[in-house]
Amino acid sequence: MEDLKIQKTPSTPEIDFDKSGQFSIKGRSLPEDPKKFYEPIFSWAENFSSKKVHLDIKLEYVNTSSSKRIIQLLKIIDSNRRIKKIDMRWYYEIDDLEMLEFGEMIQRNFKRIKTQYLEYEDID
C-alpha cells in the first residue's frame, strides 16, 4: 500500500495519509464535487491495515456536503477492525465555536476515536 497524498487547492484540503498510520487533513473543504474528491480517500481508508491511527484534522472551513463526507470517512476508519487504536487531534481556530462543536459531535458518535481539541490562531 502506498501513502495517499493530495495537495490542497483553494477549495479542497491537503490529504496526507501515511501507511504507518499518520493521517492529516488540513485546509478548506468545499469541493465542487465532494463525492469525486473523497471517494479515493474512502477507498484507501477501507483497505488500510495498521494497529494504530493518529489523525490530525485542521480545517479552516467545511461546507455541509464536506462535513457529511468527513463523517463518512471517520465511519470507515472507525469500522475498520484491523485498527485497534484511533487518536485524533481536532484543531479549531480561536473563537470558531462551530468547528469545535463539529469535533465534539464527532467524538460523541465515534466512541473508539479518542479526541484532543487544540485551539490555534491561524491556519498554515
PDB file of N, CA and C in Angstrom:
ATOM      1  N   MET A   1       0.839  -1.181   0.000  1.00  0.00           N
ATOM      2  CA  MET A   1       0.000   0.000   0.000  1.00  0.00           C
ATOM      3  C   MET A   1       0.880   1.239   0.000  1.00  0.00           C
ATOM      4  N   GLU A   2       0.576   2.150  -0.889  1.00  0.00           N
ATOM      5  CA  GLU A   2       1.295   3.422  -0.990  1.00  0.00           C
ATOM      6  C   GLU A   2       0.645   4.468  -0.079  1.00  0.00           C
ATOM      7  N   ASP A   3       1.415   5.480   0.300  1.00  0.00           N
ATOM      8  CA  ASP A   3       0.850   6.618   1.020  1.00  0.00           C
ATOM      9  C   ASP A   3      -0.134   7.333   0.100  1.00  0.00           C
ATOM     10  N   LEU A   4      -1.096   8.027   0.699  1.00  0.00           N
ATOM     11  CA  LEU A   4      -2.053   8.820  -0.063  1.00  0.00           C
ATOM     12  C   LEU A   4      -1.778  10.289   0.211  1.00  0.00           C
ATOM     13  N   LYS A   5      -1.424  11.013  -0.839  1.00  0.00           N
ATOM     14  CA  LYS A   5      -1.135  12.442  -0.702  1.00  0.00           C
ATOM     15  C   LYS A   5      -1.894  13.191  -1.787  1.00  0.00           C
ATOM     16  N   ILE A   6      -2.684  14.180  -1.350  1.00  0.00           N
ATOM     17  CA  ILE A   6      -3.418  15.046  -2.267  1.00  0.00           C
ATOM     18  C   ILE A   6      -3.107  16.483  -1.863  1.00  0.00           C
ATOM     19  N   GLN A   7      -2.603  17.258  -2.801  1.00  0.00           N
ATOM     20  CA  GLN A   7      -2.265  18.650  -2.499  1.00  0.00           C
ATOM     21  C   GLN A   7      -3.525  19.482  -2.346  1.00  0.00           C
ATOM     22  N   LYS A   8      -3.456  20.468  -1.449  1.00  0.00           N
ATOM     23  CA  LYS A   8      -4.617  21.326  -1.236  1.00  0.00           C
ATOM     24  C   LYS A   8      -4.780  22.302  -2.389  1.00  0.00           C
ATOM     25  N   THR A   9      -6.020  22.737  -2.550  1.00  0.00           N
ATOM     26  CA  THR A   9      -6.366  23.777  -3.513  1.00  0.00           C
ATOM     27  C   THR A   9      -7.167  24.816  -2.732  1.00  0.00           C
ATOM     28  N   PRO A  10      -7.598  25.891  -3.355  1.00  0.00           N
ATOM     29  CA  PRO A  10      -8.436  26.847  -2.617  1.00  0.00           C
ATOM     30  C   PRO A  10      -9.754  26.243  -2.112  1.00  0.00           C
ATOM     31  N   SER A  11     -10.200  25.132  -2.723  1.00  0.00           N
ATOM     32  CA  SER A  11     -11.481  24.547  -2.307  1.00  0.00           C
ATOM     33  C   SER A  11     -11.378  23.131  -1.747  1.00  0.00           C
ATOM     34  N   THR A  12     -10.173  22.567  -1.716  1.00  0.00           N
ATOM     35  CA  THR A  12     -10.023  21.210  -1.179  1.00  0.00           C
ATOM     36  C   THR A  12      -8.861  21.151  -0.194  1.00  0.00           C
ATOM     37  N   PRO A  13      -8.976  20.301   0.813  1.00  0.00           N
ATOM     38  CA  PRO A  13      -7.916  20.217   1.823  1.00  0.00           C
ATOM     39  C   PRO A  13      -6.730  19.382   1.345  1.00  0.00           C
ATOM     40  N   GLU A  14      -5.608  19.575   2.015  1.00  0.00           N
ATOM     41  CA  GLU A  14      -4.455  18.712   1.833  1.00  0.00           C
ATOM     42  C   GLU A  14      -4.758  17.396   2.546  1.00  0.00           C
ATOM     43  N   ILE A  15      -4.513  16.304   1.870  1.00  0.00           N
ATOM     44  CA  ILE A  15      -4.680  14.976   2.451  1.00  0.00           C
ATOM     45  C   ILE A  15      -3.304  14.334   2.486  1.00  0.00           C
ATOM     46  N   ASP A  16      -2.890  13.893   3.660  1.00  0.00           N
ATOM     47  CA  ASP A  16      -1.599  13.214   3.814  1.00  0.00           C
ATOM     48  C   ASP A  16      -1.825  12.008   4.711  1.00  0.00           C
ATOM     49  N   PHE A  17      -2.075  10.866   4.097  1.00  0.00           N
ATOM     50  CA  PHE A  17      -2.322   9.622   4.817  1.00  0.00           C
ATOM     51  C   PHE A  17      -1.118   8.718   4.591  1.00  0.00           C
ATOM     52  N   ASP A  18      -0.410   8.455   5.665  1.00  0.00           N
ATOM     53  CA  ASP A  18       0.804   7.656   5.608  1.00  0.00           C
ATOM     54  C   ASP A  18       0.473   6.219   5.981  1.00  0.00           C
ATOM     55  N   LYS A  19       1.059   5.264   5.294  1.00  0.00           N
ATOM     56  CA  LYS A  19       0.772   3.851   5.556  1.00  0.00           C
ATOM     57  C   LYS A  19       1.173   3.425   6.971  1.00  0.00           C
ATOM     58  N   SER A  20       1.961   4.265   7.676  1.00  0.00           N
ATOM     59  CA  SER A  20       2.330   3.957   9.061  1.00  0.00           C
ATOM     60  C   SER A  20       1.206   4.284  10.044  1.00  0.00           C
ATOM     61  N   GLY A  21       0.159   5.004   9.560  1.00  0.00           N
ATOM     62  CA  GLY A  21      -0.964   5.347  10.427  1.00  0.00           C
ATOM     63  C   GLY A  21      -1.041   6.815  10.796  1.00  0.00           C
ATOM     64  N   GLN A  22      -0.171   7.630  10.247  1.00  0.00           N
ATOM     65  CA  GLN A  22      -0.227   9.083  10.465  1.00  0.00           C
ATOM     66  C   GLN A  22      -1.107   9.687   9.371  1.00  0.00           C
ATOM     67  N   PHE A  23      -2.279  10.207   9.762  1.00  0.00           N
ATOM     68  CA  PHE A  23      -3.230  10.788   8.812  1.00  0.00           C
ATOM     69  C   PHE A  23      -3.388  12.272   9.106  1.00  0.00           C
ATOM     70  N   SER A  24      -3.493  13.078   8.053  1.00  0.00           N
ATOM     71  CA  SER A  24      -3.654  14.510   8.228  1.00  0.00           C
ATOM     72  C   SER A  24      -4.607  15.061   7.159  1.00  0.00           C
ATOM     73  N   ILE A  25      -5.539  15.914   7.612  1.00  0.00           N
ATOM     74  CA  ILE A  25      -6.444  16.636   6.719  1.00  0.00           C
ATOM     75  C   ILE A  25      -6.352  18.104   7.122  1.00  0.00           C
ATOM     76  N   LYS A  26      -5.926  18.974   6.184  1.00  0.00           N
ATOM     77  CA  LYS A  26      -5.711  20.381   6.517  1.00  0.00           C
ATOM     78  C   LYS A  26      -6.212  21.287   5.407  1.00  0.00           C
ATOM     79  N   GLY A  27      -6.832  22.386   5.787  1.00  0.00           N
ATOM     80  CA  GLY A  27      -7.219  23.401   4.819  1.00  0.00           C
ATOM     81  C   GLY A  27      -8.711  23.675   4.805  1.00  0.00           C
ATOM     82  N   ARG A  28      -9.228  23.934   3.616  1.00  0.00           N
ATOM     83  CA  ARG A  28     -10.654  24.230   3.407  1.00  0.00           C
ATOM     84  C   ARG A  28     -11.269  23.083   2.627  1.00  0.00           C
ATOM     85  N   SER A  29     -12.496  22.730   2.978  1.00  0.00           N
ATOM     86  CA  SER A  29     -13.173  21.659   2.251  1.00  0.00           C
ATOM     87  C   SER A  29     -14.523  22.147   1.747  1.00  0.00           C
ATOM     88  N   LEU A  30     -14.529  22.544   0.495  1.00  0.00           N
ATOM     89  CA  LEU A  30     -15.757  22.929  -0.183  1.00  0.00           C
ATOM     90  C   LEU A  30     -15.647  22.588  -1.670  1.00  0.00           C
ATOM     91  N   PRO A  31     -15.305  21.315  -1.959  1.00  0.00           N
ATOM     92  CA  PRO A  31     -15.132  20.927  -3.357  1.00  0.00           C
ATOM     93  C   PRO A  31     -16.439  21.010  -4.128  1.00  0.00           C
ATOM     94  N   GLU A  32     -16.302  21.256  -5.416  1.00  0.00           N
ATOM     95  CA  GLU A  32     -17.479  21.321  -6.285  1.00  0.00           C
ATOM     96  C   GLU A  32     -18.186  19.974  -6.308  1.00  0.00           C
ATOM     97  N   ASP A  33     -17.410  18.885  -6.311  1.00  0.00           N
ATOM     98  CA  ASP A  33     -17.969  17.532  -6.331  1.00  0.00           C
ATOM     99  C   ASP A  33     -17.361  16.743  -5.162  1.00  0.00           C
ATOM    100  N   PRO A  34     -17.954  16.842  -3.963  1.00  0.00           N
ATOM    101  CA  PRO A  34     -17.380  16.172  -2.790  1.00  0.00           C
ATOM    102  C   PRO A  34     -17.230  14.664  -2.971  1.00  0.00           C
ATOM    103  N   LYS A  35     -18.186  14.031  -3.651  1.00  0.00           N
ATOM    104  CA  LYS A  35     -18.085  12.577  -3.857  1.00  0.00           C
ATOM    105  C   LYS A  35     -16.825  12.240  -4.646  1.00  0.00           C
ATOM    106  N   LYS A  36     -16.588  12.960  -5.711  1.00  0.00           N
ATOM    107  CA  LYS A  36     -15.413  12.718  -6.547  1.00  0.00           C
ATOM    108  C   LYS A  36     -14.123  12.950  -5.762  1.00  0.00           C
ATOM    109  N   PHE A  37     -14.087  13.998  -4.940  1.00  0.00           N
ATOM    110  CA  PHE A  37     -12.883  14.289  -4.168  1.00  0.00           C
ATOM    111  C   PHE A  37     -12.633  13.232  -3.091  1.00  0.00           C
ATOM    112  N   TYR A  38     -13.666  12.870  -2.334  1.00  0.00           N
ATOM    113  CA  TYR A  38     -13.480  11.993  -1.175  1.00  0.00           C
ATOM    114  C   TYR A  38     -13.470  10.503  -1.503  1.00  0.00           C
ATOM    115  N   GLU A  39     -13.992  10.093  -2.658  1.00  0.00           N
ATOM    116  CA  GLU A  39     -14.077   8.661  -2.973  1.00  0.00           C
ATOM    117  C   GLU A  39     -12.728   7.936  -2.927  1.00  0.00           C
ATOM    118  N   PRO A  40     -11.655   8.477  -3.517  1.00  0.00           N
ATOM    119  CA  PRO A  40     -10.364   7.774  -3.416  1.00  0.00           C
ATOM    120  C   PRO A  40      -9.839   7.698  -1.976  1.00  0.00           C
ATOM    121  N   ILE A  41     -10.207   8.665  -1.160  1.00  0.00           N
ATOM    122  CA  ILE A  41      -9.791   8.665   0.247  1.00  0.00           C
ATOM    123  C   ILE A  41     -10.530   7.545   0.982  1.00  0.00           C
ATOM    124  N   PHE A  42     -11.831   7.405   0.707  1.00  0.00           N
ATOM    125  CA  PHE A  42     -12.613   6.315   1.308  1.00  0.00           C
ATOM    126  C   PHE A  42     -12.016   4.966   0.926  1.00  0.00           C
ATOM    127  N   SER A  43     -11.731   4.787  -0.334  1.00  0.00           N
ATOM    128  CA  SER A  43     -11.191   3.524  -0.829  1.00  0.00           C
ATOM    129  C   SER A  43      -9.864   3.196  -0.137  1.00  0.00           C
ATOM    130  N   TRP A  44      -9.001   4.192  -0.009  1.00  0.00           N
ATOM    131  CA  TRP A  44      -7.708   3.986   0.646  1.00  0.00           C
ATOM    132  C   TRP A  44      -7.925   3.577   2.102  1.00  0.00           C
ATOM    133  N   ALA A  45      -8.817   4.280   2.804  1.00  0.00           N
ATOM    134  CA  ALA A  45      -9.062   4.002   4.226  1.00  0.00           C
ATOM    135  C   ALA A  45      -9.688   2.618   4.434  1.00  0.00           C
ATOM    136  N   GLU A  46     -10.527   2.191   3.523  1.00  0.00           N
ATOM    137  CA  GLU A  46     -11.141   0.859   3.634  1.00  0.00           C
ATOM    138  C   GLU A  46     -10.099  -0.246   3.540  1.00  0.00           C
ATOM    139  N   ASN A  47      -9.056  -0.014   2.773  1.00  0.00           N
ATOM    140  CA  ASN A  47      -8.015  -1.026   2.572  1.00  0.00           C
ATOM    141  C   ASN A  47      -6.837  -0.875   3.520  1.00  0.00           C
ATOM    142  N   PHE A  48      -6.881   0.127   4.366  1.00  0.00           N
ATOM    143  CA  PHE A  48      -5.772   0.410   5.274  1.00  0.00           C
ATOM    144  C   PHE A  48      -5.674  -0.660   6.351  1.00  0.00           C
ATOM    145  N   SER A  49      -4.444  -1.034   6.672  1.00  0.00           N
ATOM    146  CA  SER A  49      -4.218  -2.043   7.705  1.00  0.00           C
ATOM    147  C   SER A  49      -3.057  -1.624   8.596  1.00  0.00           C
ATOM    148  N   SER A  50      -3.387  -1.242   9.817  1.00  0.00           N
ATOM    149  CA  SER A  50      -2.398  -0.902  10.827  1.00  0.00           C
ATOM    150  C   SER A  50      -3.088  -0.966  12.180  1.00  0.00           C
ATOM    151  N   LYS A  51      -2.340  -1.216  13.219  1.00  0.00           N
ATOM    152  CA  LYS A  51      -2.960  -1.325  14.542  1.00  0.00           C
ATOM    153  C   LYS A  51      -3.352   0.028  15.122  1.00  0.00           C
ATOM    154  N   LYS A  52      -2.678   1.104  14.689  1.00  0.00           N
ATOM    155  CA  LYS A  52      -2.925   2.413  15.295  1.00  0.00           C
ATOM    156  C   LYS A  52      -3.015   3.492  14.220  1.00  0.00           C
ATOM    157  N   VAL A  53      -3.943   4.425  14.421  1.00  0.00           N
ATOM    158  CA  VAL A  53      -4.068   5.594  13.552  1.00  0.00           C
ATOM    159  C   VAL A  53      -3.992   6.840  14.418  1.00  0.00           C
ATOM    160  N   HIS A  54      -3.203   7.779  13.963  1.00  0.00           N
ATOM    161  CA  HIS A  54      -3.153   9.109  14.576  1.00  0.00           C
ATOM    162  C   HIS A  54      -3.605  10.090  13.509  1.00  0.00           C
ATOM    163  N   LEU A  55      -4.726  10.744  13.760  1.00  0.00           N
ATOM    164  CA  LEU A  55      -5.361  11.611  12.772  1.00  0.00           C
ATOM    165  C   LEU A  55      -5.344  13.057  13.246  1.00  0.00           C
ATOM    166  N   ASP A  56      -4.781  13.941  12.425  1.00  0.00           N
ATOM    167  CA  ASP A  56      -4.816  15.386  12.684  1.00  0.00           C
ATOM    168  C   ASP A  56      -5.803  16.003  11.707  1.00  0.00           C
ATOM    169  N   ILE A  57      -6.810  16.706  12.226  1.00  0.00           N
ATOM    170  CA  ILE A  57      -7.760  17.425  11.378  1.00  0.00           C
ATOM    171  C   ILE A  57      -7.677  18.898  11.736  1.00  0.00           C
ATOM    172  N   LYS A  58      -7.298  19.688  10.748  1.00  0.00           N
ATOM    173  CA  LYS A  58      -7.131  21.127  10.949  1.00  0.00           C
ATOM    174  C   LYS A  58      -7.793  21.831   9.772  1.00  0.00           C
ATOM    175  N   LEU A  59      -9.099  22.019   9.903  1.00  0.00           N
ATOM    176  CA  LEU A  59      -9.885  22.586   8.810  1.00  0.00           C
ATOM    177  C   LEU A  59     -10.293  24.016   9.113  1.00  0.00           C
ATOM    178  N   GLU A  60     -10.037  24.870   8.164  1.00  0.00           N
ATOM    179  CA  GLU A  60     -10.398  26.278   8.283  1.00  0.00           C
ATOM    180  C   GLU A  60     -11.886  26.479   8.012  1.00  0.00           C
ATOM    181  N   TYR A  61     -12.395  25.730   7.032  1.00  0.00           N
ATOM    182  CA  TYR A  61     -13.810  25.838   6.664  1.00  0.00           C
ATOM    183  C   TYR A  61     -14.265  24.507   6.074  1.00  0.00           C
ATOM    184  N   VAL A  62     -15.494  24.113   6.415  1.00  0.00           N
ATOM    185  CA  VAL A  62     -16.088  22.887   5.887  1.00  0.00           C
ATOM    186  C   VAL A  62     -17.528  23.193   5.512  1.00  0.00           C
ATOM    187  N   ASN A  63     -17.912  22.922   4.255  1.00  0.00           N
ATOM    188  CA  ASN A  63     -19.312  23.116   3.899  1.00  0.00           C
ATOM    189  C   ASN A  63     -20.108  21.868   4.301  1.00  0.00           C
ATOM    190  N   THR A  64     -21.416  21.938   4.186  1.00  0.00           N
ATOM    191  CA  THR A  64     -22.283  20.859   4.667  1.00  0.00           C
ATOM    192  C   THR A  64     -21.999  19.544   3.970  1.00  0.00           C
ATOM    193  N   SER A  65     -21.859  19.544   2.654  1.00  0.00           N
ATOM    194  CA  SER A  65     -21.618  18.280   1.955  1.00  0.00           C
ATOM    195  C   SER A  65     -20.260  17.687   2.329  1.00  0.00           C
ATOM    196  N   SER A  66     -19.274  18.524   2.586  1.00  0.00           N
ATOM    197  CA  SER A  66     -17.971  18.025   3.026  1.00  0.00           C
ATOM    198  C   SER A  66     -18.032  17.466   4.436  1.00  0.00           C
ATOM    199  N   SER A  67     -18.811  18.106   5.310  1.00  0.00           N
ATOM    200  CA  SER A  67     -18.903  17.593   6.682  1.00  0.00           C
ATOM    201  C   SER A  67     -19.489  16.181   6.667  1.00  0.00           C
ATOM    202  N   LYS A  68     -20.439  15.935   5.785  1.00  0.00           N
ATOM    203  CA  LYS A  68     -21.005  14.582   5.657  1.00  0.00           C
ATOM    204  C   LYS A  68     -19.950  13.598   5.178  1.00  0.00           C
ATOM    205  N   ARG A  69     -19.096  14.020   4.260  1.00  0.00           N
ATOM    206  CA  ARG A  69     -18.033  13.144   3.745  1.00  0.00           C
ATOM    207  C   ARG A  69     -16.971  12.882   4.811  1.00  0.00           C
ATOM    208  N   ILE A  70     -16.667  13.882   5.610  1.00  0.00           N
ATOM    209  CA  ILE A  70     -15.689  13.681   6.691  1.00  0.00           C
ATOM    210  C   ILE A  70     -16.243  12.693   7.708  1.00  0.00           C
ATOM    211  N   ILE A  71     -17.514  12.827   8.041  1.00  0.00           N
ATOM    212  CA  ILE A  71     -18.148  11.863   8.951  1.00  0.00           C
ATOM    213  C   ILE A  71     -18.115  10.463   8.341  1.00  0.00           C
ATOM    214  N   GLN A  72     -18.386  10.368   7.048  1.00  0.00           N
ATOM    215  CA  GLN A  72     -18.339   9.072   6.377  1.00  0.00           C
ATOM    216  C   GLN A  72     -16.928   8.482   6.433  1.00  0.00           C
ATOM    217  N   LEU A  73     -15.920   9.310   6.225  1.00  0.00           N
ATOM    218  CA  LEU A  73     -14.536   8.850   6.306  1.00  0.00           C
ATOM    219  C   LEU A  73     -14.227   8.326   7.707  1.00  0.00           C
ATOM    220  N   LEU A  74     -14.668   9.055   8.723  1.00  0.00           N
ATOM    221  CA  LEU A  74     -14.423   8.619  10.100  1.00  0.00           C
ATOM    222  C   LEU A  74     -15.162   7.325  10.405  1.00  0.00           C
ATOM    223  N   LYS A  75     -16.344   7.129   9.832  1.00  0.00           N
ATOM    224  CA  LYS A  75     -17.065   5.860   9.992  1.00  0.00           C
ATOM    225  C   LYS A  75     -16.263   4.712   9.400  1.00  0.00           C
ATOM    226  N   ILE A  76     -15.673   4.945   8.240  1.00  0.00           N
ATOM    227  CA  ILE A  76     -14.859   3.910   7.599  1.00  0.00           C
ATOM    228  C   ILE A  76     -13.667   3.556   8.484  1.00  0.00           C
ATOM    229  N   ILE A  77     -12.981   4.570   8.989  1.00  0.00           N
ATOM    230  CA  ILE A  77     -11.830   4.334   9.867  1.00  0.00           C
ATOM    231  C   ILE A  77     -12.273   3.632  11.142  1.00  0.00           C
ATOM    232  N   ASP A  78     -13.362   4.104  11.741  1.00  0.00           N
ATOM    233  CA  ASP A  78     -13.871   3.545  12.993  1.00  0.00           C
ATOM    234  C   ASP A  78     -14.311   2.090  12.835  1.00  0.00           C
ATOM    235  N   SER A  79     -14.862   1.745  11.685  1.00  0.00           N
ATOM    236  CA  SER A  79     -15.367   0.383  11.492  1.00  0.00           C
ATOM    237  C   SER A  79     -14.292  -0.583  10.994  1.00  0.00           C
ATOM    238  N   ASN A  80     -13.107  -0.079  10.683  1.00  0.00           N
ATOM    239  CA  ASN A  80     -12.005  -0.928  10.232  1.00  0.00           C
ATOM    240  C   ASN A  80     -11.426  -1.655  11.450  1.00  0.00           C
ATOM    241  N   ARG A  81     -11.767  -2.914  11.592  1.00  0.00           N
ATOM    242  CA  ARG A  81     -11.376  -3.678  12.787  1.00  0.00           C
ATOM    243  C   ARG A  81      -9.896  -4.047  12.822  1.00  0.00           C
ATOM    244  N   ARG A  82      -9.185  -3.821  11.723  1.00  0.00           N
ATOM    245  CA  ARG A  82      -7.729  -4.026  11.748  1.00  0.00           C
ATOM    246  C   ARG A  82      -7.059  -2.928  12.566  1.00  0.00           C
ATOM    247  N   ILE A  83      -7.753  -1.795  12.703  1.00  0.00           N
ATOM    248  CA  ILE A  83      -7.236  -0.671  13.502  1.00  0.00           C
ATOM    249  C   ILE A  83      -7.711  -0.859  14.938  1.00  0.00           C
ATOM    250  N   LYS A  84      -6.778  -0.955  15.855  1.00  0.00           N
ATOM    251  CA  LYS A  84      -7.117  -1.194  17.264  1.00  0.00           C
ATOM    252  C   LYS A  84      -7.204   0.092  18.081  1.00  0.00           C
ATOM    253  N   LYS A  85      -6.488   1.129  17.667  1.00  0.00           N
ATOM    254  CA  LYS A  85      -6.466   2.379  18.427  1.00  0.00           C
ATOM    255  C   LYS A  85      -6.529   3.556  17.465  1.00  0.00           C
ATOM    256  N   ILE A  86      -7.425   4.519  17.761  1.00  0.00           N
ATOM    257  CA  ILE A  86      -7.590   5.701  16.915  1.00  0.00           C
ATOM    258  C   ILE A  86      -7.507   6.943  17.798  1.00  0.00           C
ATOM    259  N   ASP A  87      -6.496   7.749  17.565  1.00  0.00           N
ATOM    260  CA  ASP A  87      -6.327   9.026  18.263  1.00  0.00           C
ATOM    261  C   ASP A  87      -6.499  10.144  17.246  1.00  0.00           C
ATOM    262  N   MET A  88      -7.239  11.179  17.640  1.00  0.00           N
ATOM    263  CA  MET A  88      -7.457  12.302  16.740  1.00  0.00           C
ATOM    264  C   MET A  88      -7.181  13.611  17.464  1.00  0.00           C
ATOM    265  N   ARG A  89      -6.435  14.476  16.797  1.00  0.00           N
ATOM    266  CA  ARG A  89      -6.278  15.853  17.272  1.00  0.00           C
ATOM    267  C   ARG A  89      -7.140  16.717  16.363  1.00  0.00           C
ATOM    268  N   TRP A  90      -8.104  17.391  16.985  1.00  0.00           N
ATOM    269  CA  TRP A  90      -9.044  18.239  16.250  1.00  0.00           C
ATOM    270  C   TRP A  90      -8.661  19.691  16.519  1.00  0.00           C
ATOM    271  N   TYR A  91      -8.154  20.357  15.495  1.00  0.00           N
ATOM    272  CA  TYR A  91      -7.736  21.747  15.622  1.00  0.00           C
ATOM    273  C   TYR A  91      -8.891  22.655  15.218  1.00  0.00           C
ATOM    274  N   TYR A  92      -9.073  23.712  15.974  1.00  0.00           N
ATOM    275  CA  TYR A  92     -10.100  24.696  15.632  1.00  0.00           C
ATOM    276  C   TYR A  92      -9.545  26.086  15.929  1.00  0.00           C
ATOM    277  N   GLU A  93      -9.915  27.020  15.063  1.00  0.00           N
ATOM    278  CA  GLU A  93      -9.431  28.383  15.211  1.00  0.00           C
ATOM    279  C   GLU A  93     -10.065  29.036  16.437  1.00  0.00           C
ATOM    280  N   ILE A  94      -9.281  29.857  17.126  1.00  0.00           N
ATOM    281  CA  ILE A  94      -9.788  30.577  18.292  1.00  0.00           C
ATOM    282  C   ILE A  94     -11.107  31.248  17.910  1.00  0.00           C
ATOM    283  N   ASP A  95     -12.107  31.103  18.760  1.00  0.00           N
ATOM    284  CA  ASP A  95     -13.441  31.683  18.588  1.00  0.00           C
ATOM    285  C   ASP A  95     -14.293  31.001  17.518  1.00  0.00           C
ATOM    286  N   ASP A  96     -13.826  29.923  16.911  1.00  0.00           N
ATOM    287  CA  ASP A  96     -14.634  29.205  15.920  1.00  0.00           C
ATOM    288  C   ASP A  96     -15.388  28.083  16.632  1.00  0.00           C
ATOM    289  N   LEU A  97     -16.455  28.464  17.301  1.00  0.00           N
ATOM    290  CA  LEU A  97     -17.221  27.505  18.096  1.00  0.00           C
ATOM    291  C   LEU A  97     -17.923  26.460  17.228  1.00  0.00           C
ATOM    292  N   GLU A  98     -18.281  26.813  16.002  1.00  0.00           N
ATOM    293  CA  GLU A  98     -18.920  25.836  15.113  1.00  0.00           C
ATOM    294  C   GLU A  98     -17.985  24.678  14.807  1.00  0.00           C
ATOM    295  N   MET A  99     -16.714  24.969  14.554  1.00  0.00           N
ATOM    296  CA  MET A  99     -15.755  23.903  14.259  1.00  0.00           C
ATOM    297  C   MET A  99     -15.494  23.069  15.508  1.00  0.00           C
ATOM    298  N   LEU A 100     -15.421  23.704  16.670  1.00  0.00           N
ATOM    299  CA  LEU A 100     -15.269  22.969  17.918  1.00  0.00           C
ATOM    300  C   LEU A 100     -16.473  22.051  18.136  1.00  0.00           C
ATOM    301  N   GLU A 101     -17.681  22.565  17.931  1.00  0.00           N
ATOM    302  CA  GLU A 101     -18.891  21.760  18.117  1.00  0.00           C
ATOM    303  C   GLU A 101     -18.958  20.599  17.125  1.00  0.00           C
ATOM    304  N   PHE A 102     -18.485  20.809  15.901  1.00  0.00           N
ATOM    305  CA  PHE A 102     -18.438  19.735  14.916  1.00  0.00           C
ATOM    306  C   PHE A 102     -17.523  18.615  15.435  1.00  0.00           C
ATOM    307  N   GLY A 103     -16.368  18.977  15.959  1.00  0.00           N
ATOM    308  CA  GLY A 103     -15.452  17.991  16.533  1.00  0.00           C
ATOM    309  C   GLY A 103     -16.060  17.269  17.720  1.00  0.00           C
ATOM    310  N   GLU A 104     -16.763  17.998  18.576  1.00  0.00           N
ATOM    311  CA  GLU A 104     -17.404  17.374  19.748  1.00  0.00           C
ATOM    312  C   GLU A 104     -18.510  16.417  19.326  1.00  0.00           C
ATOM    313  N   MET A 105     -19.252  16.757  18.277  1.00  0.00           N
ATOM    314  CA  MET A 105     -20.298  15.875  17.768  1.00  0.00           C
ATOM    315  C   MET A 105     -19.674  14.577  17.256  1.00  0.00           C
ATOM    316  N   ILE A 106     -18.567  14.703  16.588  1.00  0.00           N
ATOM    317  CA  ILE A 106     -17.871  13.512  16.099  1.00  0.00           C
ATOM    318  C   ILE A 106     -17.461  12.632  17.279  1.00  0.00           C
ATOM    319  N   GLN A 107     -16.901  13.231  18.311  1.00  0.00           N
ATOM    320  CA  GLN A 107     -16.470  12.467  19.485  1.00  0.00           C
ATOM    321  C   GLN A 107     -17.634  11.695  20.109  1.00  0.00           C
ATOM    322  N   ARG A 108     -18.799  12.316  20.180  1.00  0.00           N
ATOM    323  CA  ARG A 108     -19.971  11.639  20.764  1.00  0.00           C
ATOM    324  C   ARG A 108     -20.426  10.450  19.934  1.00  0.00           C
ATOM    325  N   ASN A 109     -20.209  10.492  18.628  1.00  0.00           N
ATOM    326  CA  ASN A 109     -20.706   9.446  17.745  1.00  0.00           C
ATOM    327  C   ASN A 109     -19.700   8.339  17.438  1.00  0.00           C
ATOM    328  N   PHE A 110     -18.449   8.557  17.776  1.00  0.00           N
ATOM    329  CA  PHE A 110     -17.414   7.565  17.499  1.00  0.00           C
ATOM    330  C   PHE A 110     -16.647   7.277  18.785  1.00  0.00           C
ATOM    331  N   LYS A 111     -17.086   6.284  19.506  1.00  0.00           N
ATOM    332  CA  LYS A 111     -16.507   6.002  20.820  1.00  0.00           C
ATOM    333  C   LYS A 111     -15.076   5.478  20.746  1.00  0.00           C
ATOM    334  N   ARG A 112     -14.707   4.852  19.630  1.00  0.00           N
ATOM    335  CA  ARG A 112     -13.329   4.335  19.512  1.00  0.00           C
ATOM    336  C   ARG A 112     -12.320   5.446  19.219  1.00  0.00           C
ATOM    337  N   ILE A 113     -12.799   6.592  18.752  1.00  0.00           N
ATOM    338  CA  ILE A 113     -11.898   7.689  18.412  1.00  0.00           C
ATOM    339  C   ILE A 113     -11.687   8.565  19.650  1.00  0.00           C
ATOM    340  N   LYS A 114     -10.471   8.568  20.153  1.00  0.00           N
ATOM    341  CA  LYS A 114     -10.110   9.412  21.300  1.00  0.00           C
ATOM    342  C   LYS A 114      -9.639  10.762  20.766  1.00  0.00           C
ATOM    343  N   THR A 115     -10.336  11.822  21.182  1.00  0.00           N
ATOM    344  CA  THR A 115     -10.118  13.133  20.588  1.00  0.00           C
ATOM    345  C   THR A 115      -9.519  14.127  21.565  1.00  0.00           C
ATOM    346  N   GLN A 116      -8.577  14.897  21.057  1.00  0.00           N
ATOM    347  CA  GLN A 116      -7.978  16.014  21.785  1.00  0.00           C
ATOM    348  C   GLN A 116      -8.289  17.269  20.962  1.00  0.00           C
ATOM    349  N   TYR A 117      -8.784  18.316  21.626  1.00  0.00           N
ATOM    350  CA  TYR A 117      -9.137  19.561  20.951  1.00  0.00           C
ATOM    351  C   TYR A 117      -8.045  20.591  21.193  1.00  0.00           C
ATOM    352  N   LEU A 118      -7.583  21.195  20.098  1.00  0.00           N
ATOM    353  CA  LEU A 118      -6.492  22.152  20.191  1.00  0.00           C
ATOM    354  C   LEU A 118      -6.854  23.438  19.457  1.00  0.00           C
ATOM    355  N   GLU A 119      -6.770  24.552  20.165  1.00  0.00           N
ATOM    356  CA  GLU A 119      -7.018  25.876  19.575  1.00  0.00           C
ATOM    357  C   GLU A 119      -5.765  26.339  18.828  1.00  0.00           C
ATOM    358  N   TYR A 120      -5.984  27.087  17.762  1.00  0.00           N
ATOM    359  CA  TYR A 120      -4.853  27.714  17.070  1.00  0.00           C
ATOM    360  C   TYR A 120      -5.278  29.102  16.601  1.00  0.00           C
ATOM    361  N   GLU A 121      -4.292  29.940  16.288  1.00  0.00           N
ATOM    362  CA  GLU A 121      -4.590  31.318  15.903  1.00  0.00           C
ATOM    363  C   GLU A 121      -4.900  31.480  14.432  1.00  0.00           C
ATOM    364  N   ASP A 122      -4.142  30.866  13.556  1.00  0.00           N
ATOM    365  CA  ASP A 122      -4.494  30.884  12.143  1.00  0.00           C
ATOM    366  C   ASP A 122      -3.904  29.682  11.437  1.00  0.00           C
ATOM    367  N   ILE A 123      -4.547  29.339  10.325  1.00  0.00           N
ATOM    368  CA  ILE A 123      -4.184  28.122   9.577  1.00  0.00           C
ATOM    369  C   ILE A 123      -2.864  28.327   8.859  1.00  0.00           C
ATOM    370  N   ASP A 124      -2.092  27.232   8.748  1.00  0.00           N
ATOM    371  CA  ASP A 124      -0.846  27.354   7.979  1.00  0.00           C
ATOM    372  C   ASP A 124      -0.986  26.795   6.602  1.00  0.00           C
TER     373      ASP A 124
END
